[in-house]
Protein backbone atom coordinates (compact mmCIF):
# COMPACT_ATOMS: atom_id res chain seq x y z
CA MET A 1 82.73 76.40 95.31
CA THR A 2 84.29 78.46 92.49
CA GLU A 3 87.17 80.46 93.63
CA ASN A 4 86.87 84.21 94.06
CA ILE A 5 89.23 86.07 91.45
CA LEU A 6 88.27 89.52 92.97
CA GLU A 7 87.21 90.51 96.32
CA VAL A 8 85.93 93.90 97.09
CA ASN A 9 85.34 94.94 100.78
CA ASP A 10 83.93 98.13 102.01
CA LEU A 11 85.15 100.21 98.89
CA VAL A 12 84.53 103.95 99.33
CA LYS A 13 85.31 106.93 97.12
CA TYR A 14 84.56 110.54 98.09
CA TYR A 15 85.38 113.51 95.93
CA PRO A 16 86.18 116.86 97.89
CA VAL A 17 83.68 119.85 97.07
CA THR A 18 85.95 122.99 97.41
CA ARG A 19 85.25 126.73 97.65
CA GLY A 20 87.72 129.47 96.77
CA ILE A 21 90.41 129.96 94.07
CA VAL A 22 93.76 130.81 95.74
CA PHE A 23 92.89 129.47 99.25
CA LYS A 24 90.71 126.39 98.60
CA LYS A 25 88.55 125.31 101.41
CA THR A 26 86.82 121.78 101.54
CA ILE A 27 83.20 122.26 102.32
CA GLY A 28 81.89 118.85 101.78
CA HIS A 29 82.36 115.68 99.70
CA VAL A 30 80.43 113.86 96.93
CA GLN A 31 79.97 110.45 97.87
CA ALA A 32 80.27 108.68 94.79
CA VAL A 33 80.94 105.09 96.01
CA ASP A 34 80.11 104.48 99.72
CA GLY A 35 80.82 101.06 101.15
CA VAL A 36 80.45 98.67 98.32
CA SER A 37 81.35 94.97 98.63
CA PHE A 38 81.09 91.91 96.42
CA ASN A 39 83.14 88.97 95.17
CA LEU A 40 83.83 87.97 91.59
CA ARG A 41 84.30 84.32 90.76
CA LYS A 42 86.39 82.76 87.95
CA GLY A 43 84.45 82.77 84.70
CA GLU A 44 81.62 84.47 86.21
CA THR A 45 79.81 87.73 84.90
CA LEU A 46 78.74 90.03 87.45
CA GLY A 47 76.15 92.76 86.09
CA ILE A 48 76.06 96.11 87.92
CA VAL A 49 73.03 98.25 87.14
CA GLY A 50 71.53 101.52 88.33
CA GLU A 51 70.40 105.21 87.43
CA SER A 52 72.78 107.53 85.96
CA GLY A 53 74.92 109.17 88.72
CA CYS A 54 74.70 106.19 91.02
CA GLY A 55 78.59 105.52 91.04
CA LYS A 56 78.73 102.60 88.50
CA SER A 57 81.68 104.23 86.22
CA THR A 58 83.32 105.46 89.32
CA LEU A 59 83.24 102.04 90.80
CA ALA A 60 84.79 100.59 87.51
CA ARG A 61 87.68 103.30 87.55
CA VAL A 62 88.52 102.61 91.36
CA LEU A 63 88.50 98.88 90.49
CA MET A 64 91.09 99.57 87.65
CA SER A 65 93.18 101.66 90.05
CA LEU A 66 92.53 104.78 87.73
CA GLU A 67 91.23 106.43 90.72
CA LYS A 68 92.43 105.90 94.34
CA PRO A 69 89.85 104.83 96.85
CA THR A 70 88.96 107.03 99.79
CA ARG A 71 89.11 103.71 101.85
CA GLY A 72 88.53 99.98 101.49
CA SER A 73 90.12 96.91 100.00
CA VAL A 74 90.26 95.22 96.36
CA LYS A 75 92.06 91.88 96.38
CA TYR A 76 93.04 90.09 93.21
CA ASN A 77 93.84 86.49 93.72
CA GLY A 78 94.03 87.30 97.43
CA GLN A 79 96.58 90.15 96.96
CA GLU A 80 95.62 93.86 97.94
CA ILE A 81 95.99 95.89 94.54
CA TYR A 82 96.22 99.37 96.30
CA GLY A 83 99.62 100.25 97.59
CA MET A 84 101.32 98.27 94.83
CA GLY A 85 104.57 99.83 93.42
CA ALA A 86 104.63 100.84 89.81
CA SER A 87 106.12 97.28 88.74
CA GLY A 88 103.32 95.46 90.60
CA MET A 89 100.70 97.70 89.07
CA ARG A 90 102.19 97.16 85.57
CA ARG A 91 101.96 93.33 86.28
CA LEU A 92 98.23 93.79 87.52
CA ARG A 93 97.32 95.72 84.21
CA ARG A 94 98.03 92.51 82.30
CA ASN A 95 95.37 90.78 84.07
CA ILE A 96 92.53 93.37 84.55
CA GLN A 97 91.55 95.36 81.50
CA LEU A 98 88.91 97.93 80.52
CA VAL A 99 86.48 98.09 77.65
CA MET A 100 85.10 101.74 77.55
CA GLN A 101 81.82 103.04 76.87
CA ASP A 102 82.21 105.39 73.81
CA PRO A 103 83.83 103.60 70.89
CA TYR A 104 84.06 107.09 69.14
CA THR A 105 86.30 108.84 71.82
CA SER A 106 88.10 105.69 73.21
CA LEU A 107 90.47 105.35 70.37
CA ASN A 108 93.08 107.68 69.29
CA PRO A 109 92.14 109.06 65.73
CA ARG A 110 95.83 109.54 64.95
CA MET A 111 96.71 105.81 65.44
CA THR A 112 96.19 103.02 63.24
CA VAL A 113 94.24 99.83 64.27
CA GLY A 114 97.47 98.09 64.20
CA ASP A 115 99.02 100.62 66.59
CA LEU A 116 96.06 100.76 68.95
CA ILE A 117 95.72 97.07 69.34
CA GLY A 118 99.66 96.69 69.56
CA GLU A 119 100.21 99.49 72.18
CA PRO A 120 99.98 96.93 75.08
CA PHE A 121 102.69 94.96 73.53
CA GLU A 122 105.03 98.07 73.79
CA ILE A 123 104.16 98.61 77.35
CA HIS A 124 104.83 94.88 78.02
CA PRO A 125 107.49 94.02 75.51
CA ASP A 126 108.00 90.70 77.00
CA VAL A 127 104.52 89.43 76.02
CA ALA A 128 105.28 89.43 72.33
CA PRO A 129 108.63 89.97 70.51
CA LYS A 130 108.51 92.81 67.86
CA SER A 131 108.92 90.28 65.03
CA SER A 132 105.58 88.59 66.00
CA ARG A 133 103.54 91.68 66.96
CA ARG A 134 101.83 92.39 63.62
CA GLN A 135 100.63 88.70 63.24
CA LYS A 136 99.36 88.75 67.17
CA VAL A 137 97.58 91.97 66.29
CA GLN A 138 96.01 90.34 63.12
CA ASP A 139 94.89 87.37 65.06
CA LEU A 140 93.27 89.43 67.52
CA LEU A 141 91.41 91.27 64.73
CA GLU A 142 90.17 88.00 63.40
CA VAL A 143 89.12 86.80 67.03
CA VAL A 144 86.73 89.65 67.19
CA GLY A 145 85.38 89.26 63.87
CA LEU A 146 87.27 92.00 61.77
CA ASN A 147 89.19 91.84 58.62
CA PRO A 148 93.00 91.06 59.55
CA GLU A 149 93.67 93.10 56.28
CA HIS A 150 92.23 96.41 57.89
CA ILE A 151 95.27 96.50 60.28
CA ASN A 152 96.46 99.82 58.60
CA ARG A 153 93.27 101.70 58.81
CA TYR A 154 92.11 104.38 61.09
CA PRO A 155 89.28 104.45 63.57
CA HIS A 156 87.27 106.96 61.48
CA GLN A 157 87.02 104.28 58.79
CA PHE A 158 85.08 101.90 60.93
CA SER A 159 81.48 101.98 62.20
CA GLY A 160 80.56 102.24 65.91
CA GLY A 161 80.10 98.50 66.27
CA GLN A 162 83.53 97.74 64.50
CA ARG A 163 85.27 100.40 66.86
CA GLN A 164 84.02 98.56 69.76
CA ARG A 165 85.35 95.31 68.49
CA ILE A 166 88.75 97.05 68.09
CA GLY A 167 88.39 98.10 71.79
CA ILE A 168 87.67 94.51 72.83
CA ALA A 169 90.61 93.35 71.01
CA ARG A 170 92.85 95.84 72.66
CA ALA A 171 91.48 94.73 76.13
CA LEU A 172 92.20 91.01 75.03
CA ALA A 173 95.86 91.68 73.77
CA LEU A 174 97.54 90.83 77.14
CA ARG A 175 95.17 87.71 77.72
CA PRO A 176 93.76 89.18 80.98
CA GLU A 177 91.54 87.22 83.42
CA ILE A 178 89.20 90.11 84.25
CA ILE A 179 87.63 92.64 82.01
CA VAL A 180 85.72 95.47 83.29
CA CYS A 181 83.05 96.39 80.66
CA ASP A 182 81.72 100.01 81.34
CA GLU A 183 78.60 100.22 79.33
CA PRO A 184 80.13 98.69 76.21
CA VAL A 185 76.93 98.74 74.17
CA SER A 186 74.88 101.73 75.39
CA ALA A 187 76.31 103.79 72.27
CA LEU A 188 75.50 101.23 69.58
CA ASP A 189 72.39 100.37 67.75
CA VAL A 190 70.27 97.54 69.01
CA SER A 191 71.21 95.17 66.15
CA ILE A 192 74.96 95.77 66.81
CA GLN A 193 74.38 95.49 70.60
CA ALA A 194 73.39 92.07 70.09
CA GLN A 195 76.52 91.21 67.80
CA VAL A 196 78.71 92.66 70.58
CA MET A 197 77.00 90.74 73.48
CA ASN A 198 77.30 87.40 71.51
CA LEU A 199 80.92 88.31 70.77
CA LEU A 200 81.46 88.83 74.67
CA GLU A 201 79.93 85.70 75.43
CA LYS A 202 82.01 83.82 72.98
CA LEU A 203 85.27 85.26 74.10
CA GLN A 204 84.38 84.33 77.68
CA ASP A 205 84.04 80.63 76.84
CA GLU A 206 87.14 80.69 74.62
CA PHE A 207 89.55 82.47 77.15
CA GLY A 208 87.93 81.81 80.40
CA LEU A 209 87.31 85.50 81.05
CA SER A 210 85.56 86.98 84.09
CA TYR A 211 83.40 90.25 83.55
CA ILE A 212 82.34 93.11 85.46
CA PHE A 213 79.50 94.30 83.04
CA ILE A 214 78.25 97.78 83.80
CA ALA A 215 74.79 98.92 81.99
CA HIS A 216 71.64 100.67 81.93
CA ASP A 217 69.60 98.09 79.93
CA LEU A 218 68.43 95.64 82.22
CA SER A 219 67.49 93.00 79.46
CA VAL A 220 71.25 93.39 78.32
CA VAL A 221 72.46 92.72 81.75
CA ARG A 222 70.12 89.67 82.17
CA HIS A 223 71.43 88.15 78.74
CA LEU A 224 74.94 88.26 80.03
CA SER A 225 75.16 88.13 83.79
CA ASP A 226 75.23 85.13 86.28
CA ARG A 227 74.72 87.53 89.18
CA VAL A 228 73.40 91.33 89.36
CA ALA A 229 74.11 93.87 91.68
CA VAL A 230 71.66 97.05 91.83
CA MET A 231 73.26 100.26 92.79
CA TYR A 232 71.46 103.42 94.11
CA LEU A 233 73.39 106.44 95.25
CA GLY A 234 76.61 105.01 95.65
CA LYS A 235 75.72 101.81 97.30
CA ILE A 236 74.60 98.32 96.54
CA VAL A 237 71.06 97.69 97.57
CA GLU A 238 70.42 94.41 96.35
CA ILE A 239 72.70 91.42 94.75
CA GLY A 240 71.69 88.10 93.68
CA THR A 241 71.62 85.53 90.81
CA GLU A 242 69.92 86.53 87.62
CA ASP A 243 66.67 84.61 88.69
CA GLU A 244 66.77 85.97 92.04
CA ILE A 245 66.91 89.59 90.95
CA TYR A 246 64.61 89.48 87.86
CA GLU A 247 62.09 86.96 89.11
CA ARG A 248 62.04 87.49 93.09
CA PRO A 249 63.36 91.20 93.71
CA THR A 250 62.89 92.04 97.41
CA HIS A 251 64.18 95.69 97.38
CA PRO A 252 61.72 98.51 96.42
CA TYR A 253 64.06 100.30 94.03
CA THR A 254 64.87 96.98 91.99
CA GLN A 255 61.13 96.43 91.97
CA ALA A 256 60.60 99.88 90.40
CA LEU A 257 63.51 99.62 87.94
CA LEU A 258 62.07 96.09 86.54
CA SER A 259 58.56 97.66 86.35
CA ALA A 260 60.01 100.15 83.88
CA VAL A 261 61.44 97.81 81.38
CA PRO A 262 59.59 97.92 78.10
CA VAL A 263 57.43 94.99 76.95
CA PRO A 264 57.75 93.93 73.40
CA ASP A 265 54.32 92.67 73.21
CA PRO A 266 51.79 95.57 72.44
CA SER A 267 48.67 93.70 73.70
CA SER A 268 50.20 93.15 77.23
CA ARG A 269 51.34 96.88 77.74
CA GLU A 270 47.87 97.87 78.96
CA THR A 271 48.02 95.32 81.75
CA LYS A 272 51.71 95.93 82.73
CA ALA A 273 52.05 97.18 86.13
CA ILE A 274 54.27 100.03 86.66
CA ILE A 275 55.68 101.62 89.77
CA ARG A 276 56.31 105.33 89.01
CA LEU A 277 58.73 106.96 91.57
CA THR A 278 58.29 110.59 92.03
CA GLY A 279 61.14 113.07 92.87
CA ASP A 280 64.59 113.32 91.89
CA VAL A 281 67.67 111.19 92.97
CA PRO A 282 69.07 113.04 95.95
CA SER A 283 72.41 114.67 95.60
CA PRO A 284 75.41 112.39 96.40
CA ALA A 285 76.96 115.48 98.11
CA ASN A 286 74.16 115.48 100.56
CA PRO A 287 72.55 112.08 100.77
CA PRO A 288 69.71 111.27 103.11
CA SER A 289 70.32 109.71 106.47
CA GLY A 290 69.45 106.19 107.01
CA CYS A 291 68.33 104.52 103.82
CA ARG A 292 69.18 106.55 100.92
CA PHE A 293 66.17 105.39 99.05
CA ARG A 294 63.61 106.43 101.60
CA THR A 295 62.89 109.72 99.96
CA ARG A 296 61.30 107.90 97.08
CA CYS A 297 60.23 104.75 98.82
CA TRP A 298 56.52 103.99 99.60
CA LYS A 299 57.65 101.71 102.46
CA ALA A 300 59.58 104.17 104.28
CA GLN A 301 59.11 104.37 107.96
CA GLU A 302 60.81 106.23 110.96
CA ILE A 303 63.76 103.37 111.24
CA CYS A 304 64.52 104.14 107.52
CA ALA A 305 65.66 107.74 108.50
CA THR A 306 67.52 106.76 111.39
CA GLU A 307 69.29 103.35 110.56
CA VAL A 308 71.28 102.34 107.40
CA PRO A 309 69.93 98.87 106.32
CA GLU A 310 72.48 96.48 106.01
CA LEU A 311 73.13 94.33 102.67
CA THR A 312 71.85 90.96 104.27
CA VAL A 313 69.53 88.13 103.62
CA ARG A 314 66.28 89.04 105.11
CA SER A 315 63.55 86.79 106.50
CA GLY A 316 61.57 85.19 103.67
CA SER A 317 64.26 86.15 101.05
CA ASP A 318 66.90 84.15 99.38
CA HIS A 319 69.55 86.81 98.59
CA PRO A 320 71.00 89.94 100.28
CA SER A 321 69.00 93.20 100.30
CA ALA A 322 69.50 96.58 101.90
CA CYS A 323 66.00 97.27 103.02
CA HIS A 324 64.32 97.10 106.42
CA PHE A 325 61.25 95.86 104.80
CA ALA A 326 62.42 93.84 102.06
CA GLU A 327 59.50 91.76 100.64
CA LYS A 328 59.92 89.00 97.97
CA ARG A 329 57.67 89.47 94.88
CA GLU A 330 57.33 86.76 92.32
CA ILE A 331 57.44 88.17 88.99
CA VAL A 332 56.23 86.16 85.88
CA ALA A 333 58.25 86.84 83.04
CA THR A 334 56.61 86.82 79.54
CA HIS A 335 59.94 87.88 77.91
CA GLU A 336 63.48 88.02 78.67
CA ALA A 337 63.14 91.62 79.59
CA GLY A 338 60.53 90.70 82.21
CA GLU A 339 56.94 91.68 82.79
CA LEU A 340 55.51 92.43 86.23
CA THR A 341 52.21 90.93 86.67
CA ASP A 342 51.60 91.22 90.38
CA LEU A 343 52.69 94.78 91.39
CA PRO A 344 49.93 97.47 91.65
CA THR A 345 50.17 100.32 89.39
CA ARG A 346 50.83 103.35 91.66
CA THR A 347 52.44 106.61 91.95
CA LEU A 348 54.87 107.21 94.68
């Protein structure tokens, strides 16, 4: 069995809701991430999907220790990362890097490409001596498909896709083992998305990287991921391999997400079954009791309001799902994006 490089157990991140200016009083908490657990294996890509506001980006920041968790554990190669001193965290940064969502705001416009990619070497001077840094930066530009001669250019002189390549080169500078990709292609055109996705796949094979890949686009996640975790309102509601999630989903929320994926074949759109969820996502400051999806779920019963469903393998299923009434549905995919052929069209 492949060794786990990252182990996340019961990770929680709450933000206090306060009232008052001088004398602030905490009146509640926004439950951005609530009890998330998963493992990341070496060389694996774990995709994380869900609606906006479900806690995906907060999870990425907590994993990077940019935000301190309310409670929970994250272990890198068996070592707990929280509670490390400054020197320990500095060493950890070499092995876990981040590619941000927006290539237009994640790069300092006052710095050249050479300075941006070479900045990690300034923080970790033992990785590369000053005499070799320029060459290393040029090598990184070449690795991500950019012209090494552009080392003295500024970010505004590049397109969005090229800027994201610069961000990837910066993340690769210290030769990390894990890269957290926080929606790295959502701000790019479709054709450029494909180029960046192919680049990420190539780099994973070349450097043996492990990815945590966060995205909205289900077809993009399926293309790159070995396993997929579906998040809803701060919790993982279903996790499994790419085939298990896309072809045999058991959680109603996952089934609804997949039914919303556009089908590229116009002739099949009229027969495509769609699950239309009514109502808005509840506030993370006041989530529903029991199952958080019950207010929008057509299967909801009394037990759903009183008992929180555990993320576990249910009877008749082959992967964990957090639903009391999880039901495997076979999905016939006519395209990589997936077409649901057996779910009745209905409004919930």
